[in-house]
Amino acid sequence: MFNWTMTSMNPVEPRKVDEEQLYQAQPMVRALIIERYESLYRLVTLHVARAEEEGRPPDPRWAEIGVRVLKELTALYRLGVPPRTDDAEDDPLHGVDPAAIVLAQLDELEAKARA
């Protein structure tokens, strides 16, 4: 977390954020962004519900905002990335040198080609 106080800052010296501070703040900032996106999505659902109550079609701009919010949340939660497997034993190449496999396959192909 950033440790800045208004009394300890030198007014002449500009504030600086180094890479370590950025790295440490990532979980907090990610949570803040998610919270703000969820607030935006609540606005979208509110406007759609009001339009339905009044018997009019919802404004398509709110639908577009909702779609963009959902896309951003999907990216933040990494839903488009396949889940990681912590079991190295499930990996068929675990403990095997991939180069050795390729060389063995090449040797096998050469032997077949000679025969």
Protein backbone atom coordinates (compact mmCIF):
# COMPACT_ATOMS: atom_id res chain seq x y z
CA MET A 1 0.00 0.00 0.00
CA PHE A 2 1.15 3.53 -0.57
CA ASN A 3 2.39 5.28 2.55
CA TRP A 4 1.81 8.91 1.76
CA THR A 5 0.64 11.52 4.19
CA MET A 6 -0.01 15.12 3.38
CA THR A 7 2.15 16.33 6.27
CA SER A 8 5.18 14.24 5.36
CA MET A 9 5.21 15.11 1.67
CA ASN A 10 7.55 17.76 0.44
CA PRO A 11 5.39 20.12 -1.66
CA VAL A 12 8.25 20.76 -4.08
CA GLU A 13 9.19 17.13 -4.62
CA PRO A 14 6.78 15.24 -6.91
CA ARG A 15 5.18 12.02 -5.72
CA LYS A 16 6.70 8.84 -7.05
CA VAL A 17 5.37 5.32 -7.30
CA ASP A 18 7.94 2.64 -7.90
CA GLU A 19 7.40 -0.77 -9.47
CA GLU A 20 7.29 -2.56 -6.11
CA GLN A 21 4.51 -0.26 -4.88
CA LEU A 22 2.57 -0.88 -8.10
CA TYR A 23 2.96 -4.63 -7.68
CA GLN A 24 1.86 -4.52 -4.04
CA ALA A 25 -1.18 -2.38 -4.86
CA GLN A 26 -2.48 -4.62 -7.67
CA PRO A 27 -4.91 -6.70 -5.55
CA MET A 28 -6.38 -3.58 -3.92
CA VAL A 29 -6.73 -1.73 -7.22
CA ARG A 30 -8.21 -4.80 -8.94
CA ALA A 31 -10.83 -5.08 -6.17
CA LEU A 32 -11.60 -1.37 -6.44
CA ILE A 33 -12.05 -1.61 -10.21
CA ILE A 34 -14.31 -4.63 -9.85
CA GLU A 35 -16.39 -2.78 -7.26
CA ARG A 36 -16.75 0.21 -9.58
CA TYR A 37 -17.69 -1.96 -12.57
CA GLU A 38 -20.33 -3.68 -10.43
CA SER A 39 -21.71 -0.25 -9.50
CA LEU A 40 -21.96 0.62 -13.18
CA TYR A 41 -23.74 -2.64 -13.90
CA ARG A 42 -26.24 -1.92 -11.12
CA LEU A 43 -27.00 1.38 -12.91
CA VAL A 44 -27.57 -0.54 -16.13
CA THR A 45 -30.01 -2.95 -14.47
CA LEU A 46 -31.77 -0.01 -12.77
CA HIS A 47 -32.30 1.83 -16.07
CA VAL A 48 -33.51 -1.33 -17.82
CA ALA A 49 -35.94 -2.09 -14.97
CA ARG A 50 -37.30 1.47 -15.01
CA ALA A 51 -37.83 1.30 -18.74
CA GLU A 52 -39.74 -1.97 -18.36
CA GLU A 53 -41.86 -0.52 -15.54
CA GLU A 54 -42.75 2.46 -17.73
CA GLY A 55 -43.60 0.18 -20.66
CA ARG A 56 -40.93 1.53 -22.99
CA PRO A 57 -37.97 -0.22 -24.55
CA PRO A 58 -34.68 0.21 -22.69
CA ASP A 59 -32.16 2.66 -24.13
CA PRO A 60 -29.69 0.60 -26.21
CA ARG A 61 -26.83 2.75 -24.92
CA TRP A 62 -27.35 1.27 -21.46
CA ALA A 63 -27.30 -2.22 -22.96
CA GLU A 64 -23.98 -1.38 -24.65
CA ILE A 65 -22.58 -0.11 -21.36
CA GLY A 66 -23.71 -3.35 -19.71
CA VAL A 67 -22.00 -5.46 -22.37
CA ARG A 68 -18.76 -3.51 -22.01
CA VAL A 69 -18.86 -3.83 -18.22
CA LEU A 70 -19.38 -7.59 -18.51
CA LYS A 71 -16.46 -7.87 -20.95
CA GLU A 72 -14.19 -5.96 -18.59
CA LEU A 73 -15.25 -8.05 -15.60
CA THR A 74 -14.66 -11.19 -17.64
CA ALA A 75 -11.14 -10.00 -18.38
CA LEU A 76 -10.45 -9.01 -14.77
CA TYR A 77 -11.60 -12.40 -13.50
CA ARG A 78 -9.65 -14.06 -16.34
CA LEU A 79 -12.65 -16.11 -17.41
CA GLY A 80 -11.28 -16.42 -20.95
CA VAL A 81 -8.14 -18.17 -19.73
CA PRO A 82 -8.23 -21.94 -19.24
CA PRO A 83 -7.99 -22.90 -15.57
CA ARG A 84 -4.57 -23.80 -14.26
CA THR A 85 -3.98 -27.33 -13.10
CA ASP A 86 -1.85 -27.59 -10.02
CA ASP A 87 -1.33 -31.29 -10.54
CA ALA A 88 1.91 -31.69 -12.46
CA GLU A 89 1.11 -35.39 -12.73
CA ASP A 90 -1.77 -34.59 -15.09
CA ASP A 91 0.76 -33.12 -17.51
CA PRO A 92 1.77 -35.83 -20.00
CA LEU A 93 5.20 -34.21 -20.41
CA HIS A 94 5.86 -33.92 -16.68
CA GLY A 95 9.41 -35.06 -16.00
CA VAL A 96 10.09 -35.71 -19.69
CA ASP A 97 12.43 -33.70 -21.87
CA PRO A 98 10.35 -32.52 -24.88
CA ALA A 99 13.49 -32.29 -27.01
CA ALA A 100 14.24 -35.95 -26.30
CA ILE A 101 10.72 -36.90 -27.43
CA VAL A 102 11.13 -34.98 -30.69
CA LEU A 103 14.53 -36.55 -31.34
CA ALA A 104 13.13 -40.03 -30.70
CA GLN A 105 10.27 -39.37 -33.09
CA LEU A 106 12.71 -38.12 -35.74
CA ASP A 107 14.84 -41.24 -35.32
CA GLU A 108 11.73 -43.37 -35.68
CA LEU A 109 10.70 -41.54 -38.87
CA GLU A 110 14.20 -41.93 -40.32
CA ALA A 111 14.14 -45.65 -39.62
CA LYS A 112 10.77 -45.98 -41.34
CA ALA A 113 11.99 -43.98 -44.32
CA ARG A 114 15.07 -46.27 -44.73
CA ALA A 115 13.00 -49.45 -44.55
